[in-house]
C-alpha atoms as a PDB file:
ATOM      1  CA  MET A   1      26.172  -8.944  -3.259  1.00  0.00           C
ATOM      2  CA  SER A   2      25.305  -5.034  -2.310  1.00  0.00           C
ATOM      3  CA  TYR A   3      22.923  -5.071  -4.865  1.00  0.00           C
ATOM      4  CA  GLN A   4      20.718  -7.472  -2.739  1.00  0.00           C
ATOM      5  CA  LEU A   5      21.040  -5.387   0.591  1.00  0.00           C
ATOM      6  CA  PHE A   6      20.486  -2.211  -1.706  1.00  0.00           C
ATOM      7  CA  GLN A   7      17.318  -3.855  -2.710  1.00  0.00           C
ATOM      8  CA  LEU A   8      16.510  -5.464   0.696  1.00  0.00           C
ATOM      9  CA  VAL A   9      16.999  -2.063   2.511  1.00  0.00           C
ATOM     10  CA  SER A  10      15.463   0.005  -0.523  1.00  0.00           C
ATOM     11  CA  GLY A  11      12.155  -2.579   0.082  1.00  0.00           C
ATOM     12  CA  LEU A  12      12.170  -1.785   3.586  1.00  0.00           C
ATOM     13  CA  GLY A  13      12.400   1.890   2.989  1.00  0.00           C
ATOM     14  CA  LEU A  14       9.028   1.905   0.939  1.00  0.00           C
ATOM     15  CA  GLY A  15       7.442  -0.849   3.146  1.00  0.00           C
ATOM     16  CA  LEU A  16       7.547   1.997   5.901  1.00  0.00           C
ATOM     17  CA  GLY A  17       6.952   5.040   3.871  1.00  0.00           C
ATOM     18  CA  ILE A  18       3.863   3.572   3.185  1.00  0.00           C
ATOM     19  CA  ALA A  19       2.873   2.790   6.381  1.00  0.00           C
ATOM     20  CA  VAL A  20       4.223   6.572   7.340  1.00  0.00           C
ATOM     21  CA  PHE A  21       2.405   8.246   4.326  1.00  0.00           C
ATOM     22  CA  HIS A  22      -0.570   6.057   4.485  1.00  0.00           C
ATOM     23  CA  ARG A  23      -3.738   8.133   5.337  1.00  0.00           C
ATOM     24  CA  PRO A  24      -2.625  10.545   1.767  1.00  0.00           C
ATOM     25  CA  ILE A  25      -2.309   7.774   0.140  1.00  0.00           C
ATOM     26  CA  ALA A  26      -5.443   5.819   1.163  1.00  0.00           C
ATOM     27  CA  ASP A  27      -6.941   9.514   0.728  1.00  0.00           C
ATOM     28  CA  PHE A  28      -5.785   9.934  -2.512  1.00  0.00           C
ATOM     29  CA  MET A  29      -6.536   6.185  -4.331  1.00  0.00           C
ATOM     30  CA  LEU A  30     -10.395   6.507  -2.496  1.00  0.00           C
ATOM     31  CA  GLN A  31     -10.590   9.674  -4.670  1.00  0.00           C
ATOM     32  CA  GLN A  32      -9.639   7.614  -7.976  1.00  0.00           C
ATOM     33  CA  GLU A  33     -11.937   5.323  -6.404  1.00  0.00           C
ATOM     34  CA  ARG A  34     -15.227   7.258  -7.030  1.00  0.00           C
ATOM     35  CA  ALA A  35     -13.987   9.686  -9.715  1.00  0.00           C
ATOM     36  CA  LEU A  36     -13.824   5.584 -11.563  1.00  0.00           C
ATOM     37  CA  ALA A  37     -17.193   4.847 -10.016  1.00  0.00           C
ATOM     38  CA  ALA A  38     -18.833   7.453 -11.031  1.00  0.00           C
ATOM     39  CA  ILE A  39     -18.129   6.727 -14.070  1.00  0.00           C
ATOM     40  CA  PHE A  40     -19.243   3.128 -14.556  1.00  0.00           C
ATOM     41  CA  TYR A  41     -22.346   4.214 -12.642  1.00  0.00           C
ATOM     42  CA  ALA A  42     -23.021   6.463 -15.578  1.00  0.00           C
ATOM     43  CA  LYS A  43     -22.250   4.250 -17.903  1.00  0.00           C
ATOM     44  CA  GLY A  44     -24.613   1.700 -16.106  1.00  0.00           C
ATOM     45  CA  LEU A  45     -21.908  -0.871 -15.063  1.00  0.00           C
ATOM     46  CA  PRO A  46     -22.424  -2.908 -11.947  1.00  0.00           C
ATOM     47  CA  ARG A  47     -19.242  -2.095  -9.262  1.00  0.00           C
ATOM     48  CA  PRO A  48     -18.536  -3.543  -5.513  1.00  0.00           C
ATOM     49  CA  PRO A  49     -19.211  -1.081  -3.344  1.00  0.00           C
ATOM     50  CA  LEU A  50     -16.266   1.244  -2.315  1.00  0.00           C
ATOM     51  CA  PRO A  51     -14.180   1.259   1.037  1.00  0.00           C
ATOM     52  CA  THR A  52     -14.786   3.484   3.717  1.00  0.00           C
ATOM     53  CA  GLU A  53     -12.064   6.160   4.331  1.00  0.00           C
ATOM     54  CA  SER A  54     -10.819   4.268   7.602  1.00  0.00           C
ATOM     55  CA  GLN A  55     -11.072   0.506   5.532  1.00  0.00           C
ATOM     56  CA  SER A  56      -9.473   2.411   3.323  1.00  0.00           C
ATOM     57  CA  ARG A  57      -6.612   3.727   5.594  1.00  0.00           C
ATOM     58  CA  ASN A  58      -6.838   0.548   7.477  1.00  0.00           C
ATOM     59  CA  MET A  59      -5.540  -1.611   4.383  1.00  0.00           C
ATOM     60  CA  TYR A  60      -2.712   1.134   3.544  1.00  0.00           C
ATOM     61  CA  PHE A  61      -1.354   1.011   7.365  1.00  0.00           C
ATOM     62  CA  ALA A  62      -1.524  -3.182   6.898  1.00  0.00           C
ATOM     63  CA  LEU A  63       0.022  -3.264   3.792  1.00  0.00           C
ATOM     64  CA  GLY A  64       2.886  -0.938   4.511  1.00  0.00           C
ATOM     65  CA  ILE A  65       3.716  -2.637   7.873  1.00  0.00           C
ATOM     66  CA  PHE A  66       4.121  -6.043   5.796  1.00  0.00           C
ATOM     67  CA  LEU A  67       6.196  -4.918   3.319  1.00  0.00           C
ATOM     68  CA  ALA A  68       8.591  -3.440   5.878  1.00  0.00           C
ATOM     69  CA  LEU A  69       8.479  -6.906   8.334  1.00  0.00           C
ATOM     70  CA  ILE A  70       9.062  -8.998   5.323  1.00  0.00           C
ATOM     71  CA  GLU A  71      11.565  -7.051   4.104  1.00  0.00           C
ATOM     72  CA  ALA A  72      12.992  -7.097   7.776  1.00  0.00           C
ATOM     73  CA  GLY A  73      13.280 -11.040   7.903  1.00  0.00           C
ATOM     74  CA  ARG A  74      14.724 -11.294   4.601  1.00  0.00           C
ATOM     75  CA  LEU A  75      17.771  -8.957   5.753  1.00  0.00           C
ATOM     76  CA  TRP A  76      17.765 -10.757   9.349  1.00  0.00           C
ATOM     77  CA  LEU A  77      18.388 -14.074   7.435  1.00  0.00           C
ATOM     78  CA  MET A  78      20.478 -12.658   5.305  1.00  0.00           C
ATOM     79  CA  THR A  79      22.916 -11.241   7.725  1.00  0.00           C
ATOM     80  CA  ARG A  80      22.796 -14.836   9.412  1.00  0.00           C
END
C-alpha cells in the first residue's frame, strides 16, 4: 500500500513540476524540434509545421495540470 501512495505522490509531483517549469521545458523541446526539422529540410523530406512558442508552452502547461489532476483524483479515490 505504501508503494501505491509513493507512486501517486510522485506522479502528482511530476505533474506539478511540469506545470511549474513548462516554459523552459517547452523552449528546450521547441529548440530540438527546430533542429530535427532542419535535418528533414536538408534531406528534402516533408514535415508538419512546427508549433509556435505560445502553443508549445500552453501544451506543456496543460499536460502538467492534466497529470496533476489525474493523480490528485486517484489519490483522493484511494483515501476514500
